[in-house]
Amino acid sequence: MSKVPSKETIKRRTVKDMKELGVHKTQYNRLIDAYSDMVHQYLTLTEKFEAEGYEYESYTAAGGAKKSPIVATLESLRKDILAYSDRLCLNPKSNDPNNKAPTKNTGLAEVLSSLGG
């Protein structure tokens, strides 16, 4: 089994990555703490899921099958991590300069820009 990095290690790597991308501000540290905690939980649960043989279904008392709780938790964490990584500018989509929302010109701005030629 691989060793899951500590929350502090994940936090340090996240800050380092953000600094390299030029998007880090100390005001983001609380958000980075939450992100690091979620990544740590995800890695820990993924390791447990693997060790337990990838049991993706559990059976109900009525005899039916349903998604196991660990799979549901992993899916939820995956979505949350993606949302946080987007806010922290840690994924390609959030760092793509061509992906920025277009600015809407007001009527005055359009008139002034048309005068400029």
PDB file of N, CA and C in Angstrom:
ATOM      1  N   MET A   1       0.831  -1.184   0.000  1.00  0.00           N
ATOM      2  CA  MET A   1       0.000   0.000   0.000  1.00  0.00           C
ATOM      3  C   MET A   1       0.878   1.252   0.000  1.00  0.00           C
ATOM      4  N   SER A   2       0.439   2.251  -0.707  1.00  0.00           N
ATOM      5  CA  SER A   2       1.185   3.509  -0.736  1.00  0.00           C
ATOM      6  C   SER A   2       0.826   4.346   0.479  1.00  0.00           C
ATOM      7  N   LYS A   3       1.727   5.235   0.834  1.00  0.00           N
ATOM      8  CA  LYS A   3       1.495   6.103   1.983  1.00  0.00           C
ATOM      9  C   LYS A   3       0.792   7.366   1.513  1.00  0.00           C
ATOM     10  N   VAL A   4      -0.313   7.695   2.171  1.00  0.00           N
ATOM     11  CA  VAL A   4      -1.065   8.902   1.853  1.00  0.00           C
ATOM     12  C   VAL A   4      -0.334  10.094   2.448  1.00  0.00           C
ATOM     13  N   PRO A   5      -0.085  11.143   1.651  1.00  0.00           N
ATOM     14  CA  PRO A   5       0.584  12.328   2.193  1.00  0.00           C
ATOM     15  C   PRO A   5      -0.268  12.990   3.271  1.00  0.00           C
ATOM     16  N   SER A   6       0.389  13.627   4.216  1.00  0.00           N
ATOM     17  CA  SER A   6      -0.327  14.312   5.294  1.00  0.00           C
ATOM     18  C   SER A   6      -1.051  15.534   4.748  1.00  0.00           C
ATOM     19  N   LYS A   7      -2.011  16.031   5.527  1.00  0.00           N
ATOM     20  CA  LYS A   7      -2.737  17.245   5.126  1.00  0.00           C
ATOM     21  C   LYS A   7      -1.765  18.404   4.969  1.00  0.00           C
ATOM     22  N   GLU A   8      -0.775  18.471   5.846  1.00  0.00           N
ATOM     23  CA  GLU A   8       0.203  19.561   5.778  1.00  0.00           C
ATOM     24  C   GLU A   8       1.041  19.474   4.508  1.00  0.00           C
ATOM     25  N   THR A   9       1.422  18.267   4.120  1.00  0.00           N
ATOM     26  CA  THR A   9       2.181  18.081   2.874  1.00  0.00           C
ATOM     27  C   THR A   9       1.338  18.497   1.672  1.00  0.00           C
ATOM     28  N   ILE A  10       0.083  18.105   1.665  1.00  0.00           N
ATOM     29  CA  ILE A  10      -0.817  18.488   0.572  1.00  0.00           C
ATOM     30  C   ILE A  10      -0.964  20.000   0.533  1.00  0.00           C
ATOM     31  N   LYS A  11      -1.098  20.618   1.688  1.00  0.00           N
ATOM     32  CA  LYS A  11      -1.231  22.085   1.754  1.00  0.00           C
ATOM     33  C   LYS A  11       0.024  22.763   1.202  1.00  0.00           C
ATOM     34  N   ARG A  12       1.198  22.300   1.633  1.00  0.00           N
ATOM     35  CA  ARG A  12       2.451  22.901   1.147  1.00  0.00           C
ATOM     36  C   ARG A  12       2.575  22.769  -0.368  1.00  0.00           C
ATOM     37  N   ARG A  13       2.240  21.590  -0.898  1.00  0.00           N
ATOM     38  CA  ARG A  13       2.309  21.375  -2.355  1.00  0.00           C
ATOM     39  C   ARG A  13       1.310  22.266  -3.093  1.00  0.00           C
ATOM     40  N   THR A  14       0.130  22.431  -2.512  1.00  0.00           N
ATOM     41  CA  THR A  14      -0.901  23.270  -3.131  1.00  0.00           C
ATOM     42  C   THR A  14      -0.435  24.717  -3.191  1.00  0.00           C
ATOM     43  N   VAL A  15       0.101  25.220  -2.082  1.00  0.00           N
ATOM     44  CA  VAL A  15       0.609  26.594  -2.049  1.00  0.00           C
ATOM     45  C   VAL A  15       1.747  26.756  -3.046  1.00  0.00           C
ATOM     46  N   LYS A  16       2.641  25.785  -3.100  1.00  0.00           N
ATOM     47  CA  LYS A  16       3.762  25.830  -4.044  1.00  0.00           C
ATOM     48  C   LYS A  16       3.252  25.890  -5.481  1.00  0.00           C
ATOM     49  N   ASP A  17       2.289  25.021  -5.805  1.00  0.00           N
ATOM     50  CA  ASP A  17       1.717  25.007  -7.157  1.00  0.00           C
ATOM     51  C   ASP A  17       1.051  26.339  -7.485  1.00  0.00           C
ATOM     52  N   MET A  18       0.310  26.887  -6.525  1.00  0.00           N
ATOM     53  CA  MET A  18      -0.373  28.156  -6.768  1.00  0.00           C
ATOM     54  C   MET A  18       0.625  29.292  -6.972  1.00  0.00           C
ATOM     55  N   LYS A  19       1.723  29.273  -6.202  1.00  0.00           N
ATOM     56  CA  LYS A  19       2.759  30.309  -6.373  1.00  0.00           C
ATOM     57  C   LYS A  19       3.399  30.199  -7.751  1.00  0.00           C
ATOM     58  N   GLU A  20       3.664  28.965  -8.181  1.00  0.00           N
ATOM     59  CA  GLU A  20       4.254  28.764  -9.512  1.00  0.00           C
ATOM     60  C   GLU A  20       3.324  29.248 -10.619  1.00  0.00           C
ATOM     61  N   LEU A  21       2.015  29.118 -10.390  1.00  0.00           N
ATOM     62  CA  LEU A  21       1.030  29.573 -11.372  1.00  0.00           C
ATOM     63  C   LEU A  21       0.734  31.069 -11.244  1.00  0.00           C
ATOM     64  N   GLY A  22       1.261  31.683 -10.182  1.00  0.00           N
ATOM     65  CA  GLY A  22       1.050  33.113  -9.966  1.00  0.00           C
ATOM     66  C   GLY A  22      -0.348  33.463  -9.475  1.00  0.00           C
ATOM     67  N   VAL A  23      -0.997  32.544  -8.762  1.00  0.00           N
ATOM     68  CA  VAL A  23      -2.366  32.791  -8.309  1.00  0.00           C
ATOM     69  C   VAL A  23      -2.522  32.735  -6.793  1.00  0.00           C
ATOM     70  N   HIS A  24      -1.436  32.579  -6.056  1.00  0.00           N
ATOM     71  CA  HIS A  24      -1.538  32.449  -4.602  1.00  0.00           C
ATOM     72  C   HIS A  24      -1.638  33.802  -3.907  1.00  0.00           C
ATOM     73  N   LYS A  25      -2.537  33.875  -2.934  1.00  0.00           N
ATOM     74  CA  LYS A  25      -2.658  35.004  -2.020  1.00  0.00           C
ATOM     75  C   LYS A  25      -2.869  34.422  -0.631  1.00  0.00           C
ATOM     76  N   THR A  26      -2.308  35.048   0.377  1.00  0.00           N
ATOM     77  CA  THR A  26      -2.453  34.516   1.734  1.00  0.00           C
ATOM     78  C   THR A  26      -3.910  34.480   2.182  1.00  0.00           C
ATOM     79  N   GLN A  27      -4.737  35.313   1.603  1.00  0.00           N
ATOM     80  CA  GLN A  27      -6.162  35.322   1.949  1.00  0.00           C
ATOM     81  C   GLN A  27      -6.846  34.009   1.569  1.00  0.00           C
ATOM     82  N   TYR A  28      -6.240  33.217   0.707  1.00  0.00           N
ATOM     83  CA  TYR A  28      -6.823  31.946   0.270  1.00  0.00           C
ATOM     84  C   TYR A  28      -6.499  30.786   1.218  1.00  0.00           C
ATOM     85  N   ASN A  29      -5.718  31.037   2.263  1.00  0.00           N
ATOM     86  CA  ASN A  29      -5.224  29.941   3.097  1.00  0.00           C
ATOM     87  C   ASN A  29      -6.324  29.116   3.757  1.00  0.00           C
ATOM     88  N   ARG A  30      -7.433  29.738   4.171  1.00  0.00           N
ATOM     89  CA  ARG A  30      -8.527  28.947   4.761  1.00  0.00           C
ATOM     90  C   ARG A  30      -9.141  28.019   3.716  1.00  0.00           C
ATOM     91  N   LEU A  31      -9.285  28.513   2.508  1.00  0.00           N
ATOM     92  CA  LEU A  31      -9.817  27.687   1.418  1.00  0.00           C
ATOM     93  C   LEU A  31      -8.834  26.557   1.088  1.00  0.00           C
ATOM     94  N   ILE A  32      -7.547  26.880   1.123  1.00  0.00           N
ATOM     95  CA  ILE A  32      -6.512  25.869   0.870  1.00  0.00           C
ATOM     96  C   ILE A  32      -6.543  24.800   1.956  1.00  0.00           C
ATOM     97  N   ASP A  33      -6.786  25.201   3.220  1.00  0.00           N
ATOM     98  CA  ASP A  33      -6.902  24.232   4.316  1.00  0.00           C
ATOM     99  C   ASP A  33      -8.048  23.252   4.048  1.00  0.00           C
ATOM    100  N   ALA A  34      -9.195  23.775   3.655  1.00  0.00           N
ATOM    101  CA  ALA A  34     -10.347  22.916   3.381  1.00  0.00           C
ATOM    102  C   ALA A  34     -10.055  21.984   2.198  1.00  0.00           C
ATOM    103  N   TYR A  35      -9.450  22.535   1.146  1.00  0.00           N
ATOM    104  CA  TYR A  35      -9.089  21.754  -0.037  1.00  0.00           C
ATOM    105  C   TYR A  35      -8.115  20.631   0.348  1.00  0.00           C
ATOM    106  N   SER A  36      -7.109  20.956   1.128  1.00  0.00           N
ATOM    107  CA  SER A  36      -6.107  19.968   1.547  1.00  0.00           C
ATOM    108  C   SER A  36      -6.740  18.856   2.371  1.00  0.00           C
ATOM    109  N   ASP A  37      -7.674  19.225   3.233  1.00  0.00           N
ATOM    110  CA  ASP A  37      -8.366  18.231   4.046  1.00  0.00           C
ATOM    111  C   ASP A  37      -9.179  17.281   3.163  1.00  0.00           C
ATOM    112  N   MET A  38      -9.881  17.830   2.170  1.00  0.00           N
ATOM    113  CA  MET A  38     -10.667  16.984   1.270  1.00  0.00           C
ATOM    114  C   MET A  38      -9.785  16.055   0.445  1.00  0.00           C
ATOM    115  N   VAL A  39      -8.661  16.574  -0.049  1.00  0.00           N
ATOM    116  CA  VAL A  39      -7.747  15.733  -0.835  1.00  0.00           C
ATOM    117  C   VAL A  39      -7.197  14.608   0.045  1.00  0.00           C
ATOM    118  N   HIS A  40      -6.843  14.933   1.277  1.00  0.00           N
ATOM    119  CA  HIS A  40      -6.342  13.914   2.200  1.00  0.00           C
ATOM    120  C   HIS A  40      -7.406  12.849   2.447  1.00  0.00           C
ATOM    121  N   GLN A  41      -8.648  13.260   2.709  1.00  0.00           N
ATOM    122  CA  GLN A  41      -9.742  12.301   2.912  1.00  0.00           C
ATOM    123  C   GLN A  41      -9.928  11.425   1.674  1.00  0.00           C
ATOM    124  N   TYR A  42      -9.898  12.052   0.501  1.00  0.00           N
ATOM    125  CA  TYR A  42     -10.093  11.312  -0.749  1.00  0.00           C
ATOM    126  C   TYR A  42      -9.005  10.257  -0.932  1.00  0.00           C
ATOM    127  N   LEU A  43      -7.756  10.638  -0.714  1.00  0.00           N
ATOM    128  CA  LEU A  43      -6.647   9.694  -0.885  1.00  0.00           C
ATOM    129  C   LEU A  43      -6.725   8.565   0.138  1.00  0.00           C
ATOM    130  N   THR A  44      -7.088   8.899   1.379  1.00  0.00           N
ATOM    131  CA  THR A  44      -7.212   7.892   2.432  1.00  0.00           C
ATOM    132  C   THR A  44      -8.327   6.902   2.103  1.00  0.00           C
ATOM    133  N   LEU A  45      -9.485   7.417   1.689  1.00  0.00           N
ATOM    134  CA  LEU A  45     -10.604   6.531   1.350  1.00  0.00           C
ATOM    135  C   LEU A  45     -10.332   5.707   0.095  1.00  0.00           C
ATOM    136  N   THR A  46      -9.633   6.299  -0.859  1.00  0.00           N
ATOM    137  CA  THR A  46      -9.284   5.560  -2.069  1.00  0.00           C
ATOM    138  C   THR A  46      -8.376   4.381  -1.725  1.00  0.00           C
ATOM    139  N   GLU A  47      -7.430   4.615  -0.838  1.00  0.00           N
ATOM    140  CA  GLU A  47      -6.540   3.538  -0.403  1.00  0.00           C
ATOM    141  C   GLU A  47      -7.334   2.432   0.310  1.00  0.00           C
ATOM    142  N   LYS A  48      -8.279   2.834   1.162  1.00  0.00           N
ATOM    143  CA  LYS A  48      -9.118   1.862   1.867  1.00  0.00           C
ATOM    144  C   LYS A  48      -9.992   1.083   0.873  1.00  0.00           C
ATOM    145  N   PHE A  49     -10.571   1.790  -0.099  1.00  0.00           N
ATOM    146  CA  PHE A  49     -11.418   1.178  -1.117  1.00  0.00           C
ATOM    147  C   PHE A  49     -10.624   0.125  -1.897  1.00  0.00           C
ATOM    148  N   GLU A  50      -9.398   0.457  -2.228  1.00  0.00           N
ATOM    149  CA  GLU A  50      -8.526  -0.482  -2.939  1.00  0.00           C
ATOM    150  C   GLU A  50      -8.206  -1.695  -2.066  1.00  0.00           C
ATOM    151  N   ALA A  51      -7.869  -1.438  -0.804  1.00  0.00           N
ATOM    152  CA  ALA A  51      -7.514  -2.522   0.110  1.00  0.00           C
ATOM    153  C   ALA A  51      -8.682  -3.480   0.345  1.00  0.00           C
ATOM    154  N   GLU A  52      -9.893  -2.966   0.270  1.00  0.00           N
ATOM    155  CA  GLU A  52     -11.077  -3.797   0.489  1.00  0.00           C
ATOM    156  C   GLU A  52     -11.569  -4.467  -0.788  1.00  0.00           C
ATOM    157  N   GLY A  53     -10.782  -4.357  -1.858  1.00  0.00           N
ATOM    158  CA  GLY A  53     -11.108  -5.054  -3.098  1.00  0.00           C
ATOM    159  C   GLY A  53     -12.136  -4.356  -3.966  1.00  0.00           C
ATOM    160  N   TYR A  54     -12.225  -3.042  -3.855  1.00  0.00           N
ATOM    161  CA  TYR A  54     -13.129  -2.240  -4.695  1.00  0.00           C
ATOM    162  C   TYR A  54     -14.593  -2.698  -4.585  1.00  0.00           C
ATOM    163  N   GLU A  55     -15.062  -2.894  -3.372  1.00  0.00           N
ATOM    164  CA  GLU A  55     -16.459  -3.274  -3.137  1.00  0.00           C
ATOM    165  C   GLU A  55     -17.336  -2.062  -3.416  1.00  0.00           C
ATOM    166  N   TYR A  56     -17.904  -2.004  -4.607  1.00  0.00           N
ATOM    167  CA  TYR A  56     -18.676  -0.836  -5.013  1.00  0.00           C
ATOM    168  C   TYR A  56     -20.164  -0.967  -4.719  1.00  0.00           C
ATOM    169  N   GLU A  57     -20.608  -2.156  -4.322  1.00  0.00           N
ATOM    170  CA  GLU A  57     -22.010  -2.365  -3.970  1.00  0.00           C
ATOM    171  C   GLU A  57     -22.110  -2.969  -2.587  1.00  0.00           C
ATOM    172  N   SER A  58     -23.171  -2.576  -1.904  1.00  0.00           N
ATOM    173  CA  SER A  58     -23.499  -3.244  -0.648  1.00  0.00           C
ATOM    174  C   SER A  58     -24.941  -3.718  -0.761  1.00  0.00           C
ATOM    175  N   TYR A  59     -25.296  -4.664   0.040  1.00  0.00           N
ATOM    176  CA  TYR A  59     -26.628  -5.253  -0.067  1.00  0.00           C
ATOM    177  C   TYR A  59     -27.511  -4.797   1.077  1.00  0.00           C
ATOM    178  N   THR A  60     -28.754  -4.534   0.751  1.00  0.00           N
ATOM    179  CA  THR A  60     -29.726  -4.070   1.733  1.00  0.00           C
ATOM    180  C   THR A  60     -30.337  -5.268   2.450  1.00  0.00           C
ATOM    181  N   ALA A  61     -31.072  -4.976   3.520  1.00  0.00           N
ATOM    182  CA  ALA A  61     -31.737  -6.044   4.267  1.00  0.00           C
ATOM    183  C   ALA A  61     -32.779  -6.750   3.407  1.00  0.00           C
ATOM    184  N   ALA A  62     -33.326  -6.024   2.438  1.00  0.00           N
ATOM    185  CA  ALA A  62     -34.330  -6.611   1.550  1.00  0.00           C
ATOM    186  C   ALA A  62     -33.698  -7.459   0.447  1.00  0.00           C
ATOM    187  N   GLY A  63     -32.386  -7.490   0.387  1.00  0.00           N
ATOM    188  CA  GLY A  63     -31.704  -8.327  -0.594  1.00  0.00           C
ATOM    189  C   GLY A  63     -31.279  -7.601  -1.860  1.00  0.00           C
ATOM    190  N   GLY A  64     -31.615  -6.328  -1.975  1.00  0.00           N
ATOM    191  CA  GLY A  64     -31.206  -5.557  -3.145  1.00  0.00           C
ATOM    192  C   GLY A  64     -29.807  -4.993  -2.979  1.00  0.00           C
ATOM    193  N   ALA A  65     -29.249  -4.537  -4.077  1.00  0.00           N
ATOM    194  CA  ALA A  65     -27.908  -3.959  -4.057  1.00  0.00           C
ATOM    195  C   ALA A  65     -28.010  -2.440  -4.185  1.00  0.00           C
ATOM    196  N   LYS A  66     -27.095  -1.753  -3.525  1.00  0.00           N
ATOM    197  CA  LYS A  66     -27.014  -0.300  -3.665  1.00  0.00           C
ATOM    198  C   LYS A  66     -25.541   0.093  -3.649  1.00  0.00           C
ATOM    199  N   LYS A  67     -25.275   1.303  -4.079  1.00  0.00           N
ATOM    200  CA  LYS A  67     -23.909   1.817  -4.102  1.00  0.00           C
ATOM    201  C   LYS A  67     -23.368   1.830  -2.674  1.00  0.00           C
ATOM    202  N   SER A  68     -22.147   1.351  -2.494  1.00  0.00           N
ATOM    203  CA  SER A  68     -21.583   1.313  -1.148  1.00  0.00           C
ATOM    204  C   SER A  68     -21.328   2.738  -0.646  1.00  0.00           C
ATOM    205  N   PRO A  69     -21.389   2.939   0.655  1.00  0.00           N
ATOM    206  CA  PRO A  69     -21.177   4.271   1.223  1.00  0.00           C
ATOM    207  C   PRO A  69     -19.817   4.883   0.858  1.00  0.00           C
ATOM    208  N   ILE A  70     -18.787   4.049   0.766  1.00  0.00           N
ATOM    209  CA  ILE A  70     -17.463   4.590   0.445  1.00  0.00           C
ATOM    210  C   ILE A  70     -17.424   5.134  -0.980  1.00  0.00           C
ATOM    211  N   VAL A  71     -18.141   4.493  -1.899  1.00  0.00           N
ATOM    212  CA  VAL A  71     -18.188   4.968  -3.286  1.00  0.00           C
ATOM    213  C   VAL A  71     -18.931   6.296  -3.346  1.00  0.00           C
ATOM    214  N   ALA A  72     -20.030   6.399  -2.633  1.00  0.00           N
ATOM    215  CA  ALA A  72     -20.793   7.650  -2.601  1.00  0.00           C
ATOM    216  C   ALA A  72     -19.945   8.776  -2.018  1.00  0.00           C
ATOM    217  N   THR A  73     -19.202   8.486  -0.979  1.00  0.00           N
ATOM    218  CA  THR A  73     -18.343   9.491  -0.352  1.00  0.00           C
ATOM    219  C   THR A  73     -17.227   9.912  -1.298  1.00  0.00           C
ATOM    220  N   LEU A  74     -16.616   8.950  -1.973  1.00  0.00           N
ATOM    221  CA  LEU A  74     -15.552   9.270  -2.936  1.00  0.00           C
ATOM    222  C   LEU A  74     -16.077  10.150  -4.068  1.00  0.00           C
ATOM    223  N   GLU A  75     -17.274   9.833  -4.570  1.00  0.00           N
ATOM    224  CA  GLU A  75     -17.863  10.642  -5.640  1.00  0.00           C
ATOM    225  C   GLU A  75     -18.115  12.068  -5.175  1.00  0.00           C
ATOM    226  N   SER A  76     -18.626  12.208  -3.978  1.00  0.00           N
ATOM    227  CA  SER A  76     -18.908  13.538  -3.422  1.00  0.00           C
ATOM    228  C   SER A  76     -17.619  14.330  -3.224  1.00  0.00           C
ATOM    229  N   LEU A  77     -16.611  13.677  -2.668  1.00  0.00           N
ATOM    230  CA  LEU A  77     -15.318  14.338  -2.478  1.00  0.00           C
ATOM    231  C   LEU A  77     -14.703  14.746  -3.811  1.00  0.00           C
ATOM    232  N   ARG A  78     -14.823  13.891  -4.811  1.00  0.00           N
ATOM    233  CA  ARG A  78     -14.280  14.184  -6.138  1.00  0.00           C
ATOM    234  C   ARG A  78     -14.903  15.464  -6.701  1.00  0.00           C
ATOM    235  N   LYS A  79     -16.208  15.596  -6.572  1.00  0.00           N
ATOM    236  CA  LYS A  79     -16.901  16.798  -7.057  1.00  0.00           C
ATOM    237  C   LYS A  79     -16.473  18.034  -6.280  1.00  0.00           C
ATOM    238  N   ASP A  80     -16.367  17.898  -4.955  1.00  0.00           N
ATOM    239  CA  ASP A  80     -15.955  19.038  -4.128  1.00  0.00           C
ATOM    240  C   ASP A  80     -14.521  19.454  -4.428  1.00  0.00           C
ATOM    241  N   ILE A  81     -13.643  18.477  -4.599  1.00  0.00           N
ATOM    242  CA  ILE A  81     -12.239  18.778  -4.918  1.00  0.00           C
ATOM    243  C   ILE A  81     -12.147  19.498  -6.248  1.00  0.00           C
ATOM    244  N   LEU A  82     -12.919  19.060  -7.224  1.00  0.00           N
ATOM    245  CA  LEU A  82     -12.924  19.732  -8.520  1.00  0.00           C
ATOM    246  C   LEU A  82     -13.387  21.179  -8.383  1.00  0.00           C
ATOM    247  N   ALA A  83     -14.432  21.412  -7.611  1.00  0.00           N
ATOM    248  CA  ALA A  83     -14.934  22.778  -7.411  1.00  0.00           C
ATOM    249  C   ALA A  83     -13.888  23.645  -6.716  1.00  0.00           C
ATOM    250  N   TYR A  84     -13.253  23.128  -5.685  1.00  0.00           N
ATOM    251  CA  TYR A  84     -12.229  23.892  -4.974  1.00  0.00           C
ATOM    252  C   TYR A  84     -11.011  24.129  -5.866  1.00  0.00           C
ATOM    253  N   SER A  85     -10.587  23.114  -6.610  1.00  0.00           N
ATOM    254  CA  SER A  85      -9.411  23.292  -7.470  1.00  0.00           C
ATOM    255  C   SER A  85      -9.691  24.333  -8.547  1.00  0.00           C
ATOM    256  N   ASP A  86     -10.922  24.425  -8.970  1.00  0.00           N
ATOM    257  CA  ASP A  86     -11.314  25.444  -9.944  1.00  0.00           C
ATOM    258  C   ASP A  86     -11.195  26.833  -9.315  1.00  0.00           C
ATOM    259  N   ARG A  87     -11.700  26.989  -8.098  1.00  0.00           N
ATOM    260  CA  ARG A  87     -11.625  28.277  -7.396  1.00  0.00           C
ATOM    261  C   ARG A  87     -10.184  28.679  -7.082  1.00  0.00           C
ATOM    262  N   LEU A  88      -9.347  27.684  -6.821  1.00  0.00           N
ATOM    263  CA  LEU A  88      -7.946  27.968  -6.498  1.00  0.00           C
ATOM    264  C   LEU A  88      -7.066  28.048  -7.742  1.00  0.00           C
ATOM    265  N   CYS A  89      -7.668  27.947  -8.919  1.00  0.00           N
ATOM    266  CA  CYS A  89      -6.964  28.016 -10.214  1.00  0.00           C
ATOM    267  C   CYS A  89      -5.911  26.926 -10.350  1.00  0.00           C
ATOM    268  N   LEU A  90      -6.266  25.722  -9.958  1.00  0.00           N
ATOM    269  CA  LEU A  90      -5.331  24.600  -9.980  1.00  0.00           C
ATOM    270  C   LEU A  90      -5.615  23.591 -11.078  1.00  0.00           C
ATOM    271  N   ASN A  91      -6.500  23.918 -11.997  1.00  0.00           N
ATOM    272  CA  ASN A  91      -6.736  22.991 -13.095  1.00  0.00           C
ATOM    273  C   ASN A  91      -6.639  23.747 -14.416  1.00  0.00           C
ATOM    274  N   PRO A  92      -6.420  23.028 -15.494  1.00  0.00           N
ATOM    275  CA  PRO A  92      -6.218  23.685 -16.789  1.00  0.00           C
ATOM    276  C   PRO A  92      -7.383  24.580 -17.216  1.00  0.00           C
ATOM    277  N   LYS A  93      -8.596  24.162 -16.937  1.00  0.00           N
ATOM    278  CA  LYS A  93      -9.750  24.957 -17.355  1.00  0.00           C
ATOM    279  C   LYS A  93      -9.751  26.328 -16.694  1.00  0.00           C
ATOM    280  N   SER A  94      -9.457  26.373 -15.404  1.00  0.00           N
ATOM    281  CA  SER A  94      -9.492  27.653 -14.689  1.00  0.00           C
ATOM    282  C   SER A  94      -8.291  28.535 -15.026  1.00  0.00           C
ATOM    283  N   ASN A  95      -7.252  27.965 -15.608  1.00  0.00           N
ATOM    284  CA  ASN A  95      -6.060  28.739 -15.965  1.00  0.00           C
ATOM    285  C   ASN A  95      -5.991  29.113 -17.436  1.00  0.00           C
ATOM    286  N   ASP A  96      -6.956  28.684 -18.224  1.00  0.00           N
ATOM    287  CA  ASP A  96      -6.944  28.972 -19.655  1.00  0.00           C
ATOM    288  C   ASP A  96      -7.358  30.417 -19.909  1.00  0.00           C
ATOM    289  N   PRO A  97      -6.451  31.247 -20.444  1.00  0.00           N
ATOM    290  CA  PRO A  97      -6.809  32.647 -20.673  1.00  0.00           C
ATOM    291  C   PRO A  97      -7.916  32.804 -21.710  1.00  0.00           C
ATOM    292  N   ASN A  98      -8.110  31.832 -22.577  1.00  0.00           N
ATOM    293  CA  ASN A  98      -9.172  31.887 -23.583  1.00  0.00           C
ATOM    294  C   ASN A  98     -10.531  31.497 -23.013  1.00  0.00           C
ATOM    295  N   ASN A  99     -10.552  31.037 -21.753  1.00  0.00           N
ATOM    296  CA  ASN A  99     -11.777  30.554 -21.131  1.00  0.00           C
ATOM    297  C   ASN A  99     -12.442  31.620 -20.265  1.00  0.00           C
ATOM    298  N   LYS A 100     -11.956  32.826 -20.295  1.00  0.00           N
ATOM    299  CA  LYS A 100     -12.520  33.893 -19.479  1.00  0.00           C
ATOM    300  C   LYS A 100     -13.838  34.360 -20.085  1.00  0.00           C
ATOM    301  N   ALA A 101     -14.743  34.768 -19.223  1.00  0.00           N
ATOM    302  CA  ALA A 101     -16.042  35.248 -19.692  1.00  0.00           C
ATOM    303  C   ALA A 101     -15.853  36.550 -20.457  1.00  0.00           C
ATOM    304  N   PRO A 102     -16.494  36.681 -21.602  1.00  0.00           N
ATOM    305  CA  PRO A 102     -16.353  37.923 -22.358  1.00  0.00           C
ATOM    306  C   PRO A 102     -16.997  39.071 -21.599  1.00  0.00           C
ATOM    307  N   THR A 103     -16.367  40.244 -21.702  1.00  0.00           N
ATOM    308  CA  THR A 103     -16.930  41.403 -21.045  1.00  0.00           C
ATOM    309  C   THR A 103     -17.980  42.016 -21.951  1.00  0.00           C
ATOM    310  N   LYS A 104     -19.030  42.475 -21.350  1.00  0.00           N
ATOM    311  CA  LYS A 104     -20.128  43.050 -22.126  1.00  0.00           C
ATOM    312  C   LYS A 104     -19.942  44.565 -22.167  1.00  0.00           C
ATOM    313  N   ASN A 105     -19.920  45.111 -23.364  1.00  0.00           N
ATOM    314  CA  ASN A 105     -19.785  46.556 -23.516  1.00  0.00           C
ATOM    315  C   ASN A 105     -21.124  47.236 -23.295  1.00  0.00           C
ATOM    316  N   THR A 106     -21.059  48.365 -22.626  1.00  0.00           N
ATOM    317  CA  THR A 106     -22.266  49.169 -22.481  1.00  0.00           C
ATOM    318  C   THR A 106     -22.455  49.968 -23.754  1.00  0.00           C
ATOM    319  N   GLY A 107     -23.592  50.591 -23.898  1.00  0.00           N
ATOM    320  CA  GLY A 107     -23.862  51.397 -25.093  1.00  0.00           C
ATOM    321  C   GLY A 107     -22.818  52.478 -25.289  1.00  0.00           C
ATOM    322  N   LEU A 108     -22.437  53.173 -24.205  1.00  0.00           N
ATOM    323  CA  LEU A 108     -21.435  54.234 -24.301  1.00  0.00           C
ATOM    324  C   LEU A 108     -20.085  53.658 -24.716  1.00  0.00           C
ATOM    325  N   ALA A 109     -19.710  52.521 -24.158  1.00  0.00           N
ATOM    326  CA  ALA A 109     -18.429  51.909 -24.504  1.00  0.00           C
ATOM    327  C   ALA A 109     -18.400  51.510 -25.977  1.00  0.00           C
ATOM    328  N   GLU A 110     -19.501  51.001 -26.483  1.00  0.00           N
ATOM    329  CA  GLU A 110     -19.565  50.618 -27.902  1.00  0.00           C
ATOM    330  C   GLU A 110     -19.414  51.837 -28.807  1.00  0.00           C
ATOM    331  N   VAL A 111     -20.083  52.940 -28.457  1.00  0.00           N
ATOM    332  CA  VAL A 111     -19.992  54.170 -29.252  1.00  0.00           C
ATOM    333  C   VAL A 111     -18.569  54.697 -29.230  1.00  0.00           C
ATOM    334  N   LEU A 112     -17.950  54.715 -28.043  1.00  0.00           N
ATOM    335  CA  LEU A 112     -16.585  55.233 -27.929  1.00  0.00           C
ATOM    336  C   LEU A 112     -15.594  54.359 -28.672  1.00  0.00           C
ATOM    337  N   SER A 113     -15.779  53.012 -28.611  1.00  0.00           N
ATOM    338  CA  SER A 113     -14.855  52.137 -29.330  1.00  0.00           C
ATOM    339  C   SER A 113     -15.021  52.264 -30.833  1.00  0.00           C
ATOM    340  N   SER A 114     -16.243  52.538 -31.297  1.00  0.00           N
ATOM    341  CA  SER A 114     -16.438  52.696 -32.744  1.00  0.00           C
ATOM    342  C   SER A 114     -15.843  54.002 -33.236  1.00  0.00           C
ATOM    343  N   LEU A 115     -15.728  55.012 -32.384  1.00  0.00           N
ATOM    344  CA  LEU A 115     -15.126  56.283 -32.759  1.00  0.00           C
ATOM    345  C   LEU A 115     -13.607  56.152 -32.886  1.00  0.00           C
ATOM    346  N   GLY A 116     -13.039  55.209 -32.117  1.00  0.00           N
ATOM    347  CA  GLY A 116     -11.604  55.023 -32.100  1.00  0.00           C
ATOM    348  C   GLY A 116     -11.100  54.386 -33.380  1.00  0.00           C
ATOM    349  N   GLY A 117     -11.953  53.841 -34.175  1.00  0.00           N
ATOM    350  CA  GLY A 117     -11.565  53.324 -35.472  1.00  0.00           C
ATOM    351  C   GLY A 117     -11.226  51.930 -35.445  1.00  0.00           C
TER     352      GLY A 117
END
